[in-house]
Amino acid sequence: MEVKGLSQLNQLFIWIFEQLKSVVELGVSDPGTQWGLTIMVFTILFNVLMLPVNLTQMKSMRKQQALQPEVAKIQAKYKSDPQKLQEMQMKLYKENNVSMFGGCLPLLITYPIFIAMFSVFRQLAADGRLTGMSFTPLIPDLAANNNIILSALSVGTMLLSTYVMTLRTKGADNPAAASANKIQYGMAALFGWITYTSNSALGLYWITGNIF
């Protein structure tokens, strides 16, 4: 049942790609450029749809960061009483209309879609539709893997997006933000490796999303 559901999801995304590609074809004649632009257009449209969720996440993160001095006081005051510490911390967030899990929602959407794209591009490559399709000198074949330049760009753009999102708290005494940044560094390395070992189409998708 799960395999069947995944196959149906793949077919849905492939159908969307085909519709977008039919529009791109109206102004572009080169097949490789058509596929490359189609992937970028799909990524941009997806991120536009995700924009309200991402903006909510950013607002939630900034509220949490602004409350860090108060959180630190609570942690110092109730360090010997974990239950009371959690209670007071939850009360502080509630009074300031901050959700402790507000930043998780985009991850619950973005990463499953990334996994779906991994499967979709693998299917398109297996069908031969991406094989030999060149998109700019950086991507001689959208179906090929081991593209070290795309891997480096994946890491660089992911770290850059993290830096931009945390720019306002630079230099602040914010242990939570520092911890989150360390996780992002690890995730950037992981996705860099995934980009390197997967076909170049997936790297193009991920890098375009990071830049957006």
Protein backbone atom coordinates (compact mmCIF):
# COMPACT_ATOMS: atom_id res chain seq x y z
CA MET A 1 0.00 0.00 0.00
CA GLU A 2 2.82 2.44 0.89
CA VAL A 3 4.67 1.65 -2.35
CA LYS A 4 1.48 2.16 -4.33
CA GLY A 5 0.85 5.49 -2.59
CA LEU A 6 4.41 6.62 -3.27
CA SER A 7 4.07 5.65 -6.93
CA GLN A 8 0.86 7.66 -7.22
CA LEU A 9 2.55 10.66 -5.61
CA ASN A 10 5.44 10.33 -8.06
CA GLN A 11 3.05 10.27 -10.97
CA LEU A 12 1.31 13.39 -9.66
CA PHE A 13 4.57 15.32 -9.44
CA ILE A 14 5.72 14.03 -12.84
CA TRP A 15 2.40 15.20 -14.32
CA ILE A 16 2.96 18.66 -12.80
CA PHE A 17 6.47 18.76 -14.26
CA GLU A 18 5.11 17.83 -17.68
CA GLN A 19 2.52 20.62 -17.56
CA LEU A 20 5.13 23.19 -16.55
CA LYS A 21 7.52 21.92 -19.21
CA SER A 22 4.84 22.32 -21.89
CA VAL A 23 4.67 26.00 -20.95
CA VAL A 24 8.46 26.43 -20.88
CA GLU A 25 8.69 24.82 -24.33
CA LEU A 26 6.77 27.77 -25.78
CA GLY A 27 9.79 30.02 -25.30
CA VAL A 28 12.74 27.60 -25.09
CA SER A 29 13.84 25.12 -27.76
CA ASP A 30 16.74 23.29 -26.08
CA PRO A 31 15.45 20.16 -24.24
CA GLY A 32 18.05 20.36 -21.44
CA THR A 33 17.27 24.01 -20.81
CA GLN A 34 13.57 23.17 -20.85
CA TRP A 35 13.98 20.60 -18.09
CA GLY A 36 16.31 22.80 -16.05
CA LEU A 37 13.96 25.77 -16.18
CA THR A 38 10.98 23.52 -15.44
CA ILE A 39 12.65 22.29 -12.24
CA MET A 40 13.45 25.85 -11.21
CA VAL A 41 9.91 27.09 -11.96
CA PHE A 42 8.43 24.21 -9.96
CA THR A 43 10.74 24.98 -7.02
CA ILE A 44 9.90 28.68 -7.05
CA LEU A 45 6.15 28.01 -7.21
CA PHE A 46 6.41 25.55 -4.32
CA ASN A 47 8.35 28.07 -2.22
CA VAL A 48 5.84 30.81 -3.03
CA LEU A 49 3.09 28.52 -1.69
CA MET A 50 5.24 27.88 1.39
CA LEU A 51 5.96 31.57 1.98
CA PRO A 52 3.17 32.18 4.54
CA VAL A 53 4.33 29.16 6.56
CA ASN A 54 7.98 30.24 6.39
CA LEU A 55 7.14 33.80 7.43
CA THR A 56 5.22 32.44 10.40
CA GLN A 57 8.26 30.34 11.31
CA MET A 58 10.58 33.35 11.12
CA LYS A 59 8.27 35.42 13.33
CA SER A 60 8.07 32.58 15.84
CA MET A 61 11.87 32.22 15.87
CA ARG A 62 12.36 35.93 16.46
CA LYS A 63 9.84 35.95 19.30
CA GLN A 64 11.62 33.00 20.89
CA GLN A 65 14.97 34.74 20.50
CA ALA A 66 13.61 37.93 22.06
CA LEU A 67 12.45 35.94 25.08
CA GLN A 68 15.80 34.23 25.65
CA PRO A 69 16.88 36.60 28.49
CA GLU A 70 13.65 35.79 30.35
CA VAL A 71 14.07 32.08 29.63
CA ALA A 72 17.61 32.24 31.04
CA LYS A 73 16.30 33.81 34.27
CA ILE A 74 13.69 31.08 34.64
CA GLN A 75 16.30 28.39 34.00
CA ALA A 76 18.57 29.87 36.66
CA LYS A 77 15.74 30.26 39.18
CA TYR A 78 14.24 26.78 38.77
CA LYS A 79 17.30 24.76 37.76
CA SER A 80 16.71 22.34 40.64
CA ASP A 81 13.03 21.84 39.77
CA PRO A 82 12.67 20.62 36.14
CA GLN A 83 8.88 20.34 36.37
CA LYS A 84 8.49 23.91 37.62
CA LEU A 85 11.03 25.07 35.05
CA GLN A 86 9.01 23.58 32.22
CA GLU A 87 5.77 24.98 33.64
CA MET A 88 7.12 28.53 33.93
CA GLN A 89 8.73 28.38 30.52
CA MET A 90 5.47 27.24 28.92
CA LYS A 91 3.66 30.03 30.78
CA LEU A 92 6.13 32.61 29.45
CA TYR A 93 5.64 31.42 25.87
CA LYS A 94 1.87 31.34 26.26
CA GLU A 95 1.73 34.87 27.66
CA ASN A 96 3.75 36.11 24.69
CA ASN A 97 1.80 34.06 22.13
CA VAL A 98 4.85 32.00 21.13
CA SER A 99 4.66 28.38 20.04
CA MET A 100 7.61 26.20 21.02
CA PHE A 101 6.97 24.09 17.95
CA GLY A 102 6.22 26.88 15.47
CA GLY A 103 9.51 26.34 13.69
CA CYS A 104 8.85 22.65 13.05
CA LEU A 105 5.99 22.98 10.54
CA PRO A 106 8.11 24.03 7.54
CA LEU A 107 10.41 21.06 8.18
CA LEU A 108 7.42 18.73 8.27
CA ILE A 109 6.53 19.92 4.75
CA THR A 110 9.86 20.77 3.10
CA TYR A 111 11.83 17.62 3.90
CA PRO A 112 9.10 15.12 2.87
CA ILE A 113 8.79 17.01 -0.42
CA PHE A 114 12.58 16.78 -0.81
CA ILE A 115 12.35 13.01 -0.34
CA ALA A 116 9.53 12.89 -2.88
CA MET A 117 11.65 14.85 -5.35
CA PHE A 118 14.48 12.37 -4.84
CA SER A 119 12.13 9.60 -5.97
CA VAL A 120 10.61 11.65 -8.81
CA PHE A 121 13.93 12.65 -10.36
CA ARG A 122 15.21 9.10 -10.02
CA GLN A 123 12.14 7.92 -11.92
CA LEU A 124 12.56 10.57 -14.61
CA ALA A 125 16.21 9.55 -14.99
CA ALA A 126 15.26 5.86 -15.17
CA ASP A 127 12.73 6.70 -17.90
CA GLY A 128 15.49 8.44 -19.85
CA ARG A 129 13.76 11.82 -19.84
CA LEU A 130 16.59 13.55 -17.96
CA THR A 131 19.47 11.48 -19.33
CA GLY A 132 21.95 13.56 -21.32
CA MET A 133 20.00 16.76 -20.67
CA SER A 134 22.51 19.57 -20.17
CA PHE A 135 21.54 22.70 -18.23
CA THR A 136 24.25 25.35 -18.14
CA PRO A 137 27.95 24.37 -18.09
CA LEU A 138 27.65 23.46 -14.40
CA ILE A 139 25.20 20.63 -15.16
CA PRO A 140 26.27 18.62 -18.21
CA ASP A 141 23.71 15.91 -17.42
CA LEU A 142 20.65 16.36 -15.16
CA ALA A 143 20.48 12.59 -14.64
CA ALA A 144 24.12 12.19 -13.58
CA ASN A 145 25.37 12.14 -9.99
CA ASN A 146 28.73 13.03 -8.37
CA ASN A 147 28.52 16.71 -9.36
CA ILE A 148 30.94 18.24 -6.85
CA ILE A 149 30.10 21.82 -7.86
CA LEU A 150 26.40 21.31 -7.17
CA SER A 151 27.28 19.66 -3.87
CA ALA A 152 29.37 22.67 -2.83
CA LEU A 153 26.62 25.05 -3.92
CA SER A 154 24.10 23.04 -1.93
CA VAL A 155 26.15 23.42 1.25
CA GLY A 156 26.98 27.07 0.57
CA THR A 157 23.44 28.19 -0.20
CA MET A 158 22.00 26.30 2.76
CA LEU A 159 24.49 27.91 5.14
CA LEU A 160 23.85 31.31 3.56
CA SER A 161 20.10 30.96 4.06
CA THR A 162 20.75 30.01 7.70
CA TYR A 163 23.01 33.04 8.14
CA VAL A 164 20.41 35.40 6.67
CA MET A 165 17.65 34.01 8.92
CA THR A 166 19.77 34.45 12.06
CA LEU A 167 21.40 37.75 11.07
CA ARG A 168 19.35 39.85 13.48
CA THR A 169 20.51 37.82 16.45
CA LYS A 170 24.19 37.91 15.56
CA GLY A 171 26.26 38.58 18.64
CA ALA A 172 23.33 37.96 20.98
CA ASP A 173 23.68 35.68 23.98
CA ASN A 174 21.30 33.10 22.62
CA PRO A 175 22.18 29.47 23.41
CA ALA A 176 19.06 28.16 21.64
CA ALA A 177 19.97 29.95 18.42
CA ALA A 178 23.56 28.71 18.67
CA SER A 179 22.34 25.14 19.11
CA ALA A 180 19.97 25.50 16.16
CA ASN A 181 22.82 26.83 14.02
CA LYS A 182 24.97 23.79 14.84
CA ILE A 183 22.13 21.54 13.72
CA GLN A 184 21.86 23.53 10.48
CA TYR A 185 25.57 23.08 9.82
CA GLY A 186 25.17 19.34 10.22
CA MET A 187 22.11 19.35 7.96
CA ALA A 188 23.99 21.36 5.33
CA ALA A 189 26.77 18.75 5.29
CA LEU A 190 24.19 15.95 5.03
CA PHE A 191 22.33 17.57 2.16
CA GLY A 192 25.61 18.31 0.44
CA TRP A 193 26.38 14.58 0.52
CA ILE A 194 22.87 13.71 -0.69
CA THR A 195 23.26 16.19 -3.55
CA TYR A 196 26.60 14.66 -4.52
CA THR A 197 25.33 11.08 -4.52
CA SER A 198 22.01 11.87 -6.26
CA ASN A 199 21.30 13.02 -9.79
CA SER A 200 21.96 16.65 -10.60
CA ALA A 201 18.26 17.46 -11.00
CA LEU A 202 17.79 17.04 -7.24
CA GLY A 203 20.72 19.37 -6.56
CA LEU A 204 19.23 21.99 -8.88
CA TYR A 205 15.92 21.74 -7.02
CA TRP A 206 17.53 22.11 -3.58
CA ILE A 207 19.86 24.97 -4.53
CA THR A 208 17.05 26.92 -6.19
CA GLY A 209 14.97 26.58 -3.03
CA ASN A 210 17.85 27.75 -0.83
CA ILE A 211 18.42 30.81 -3.00
CA PHE A 212 14.71 31.65 -2.95
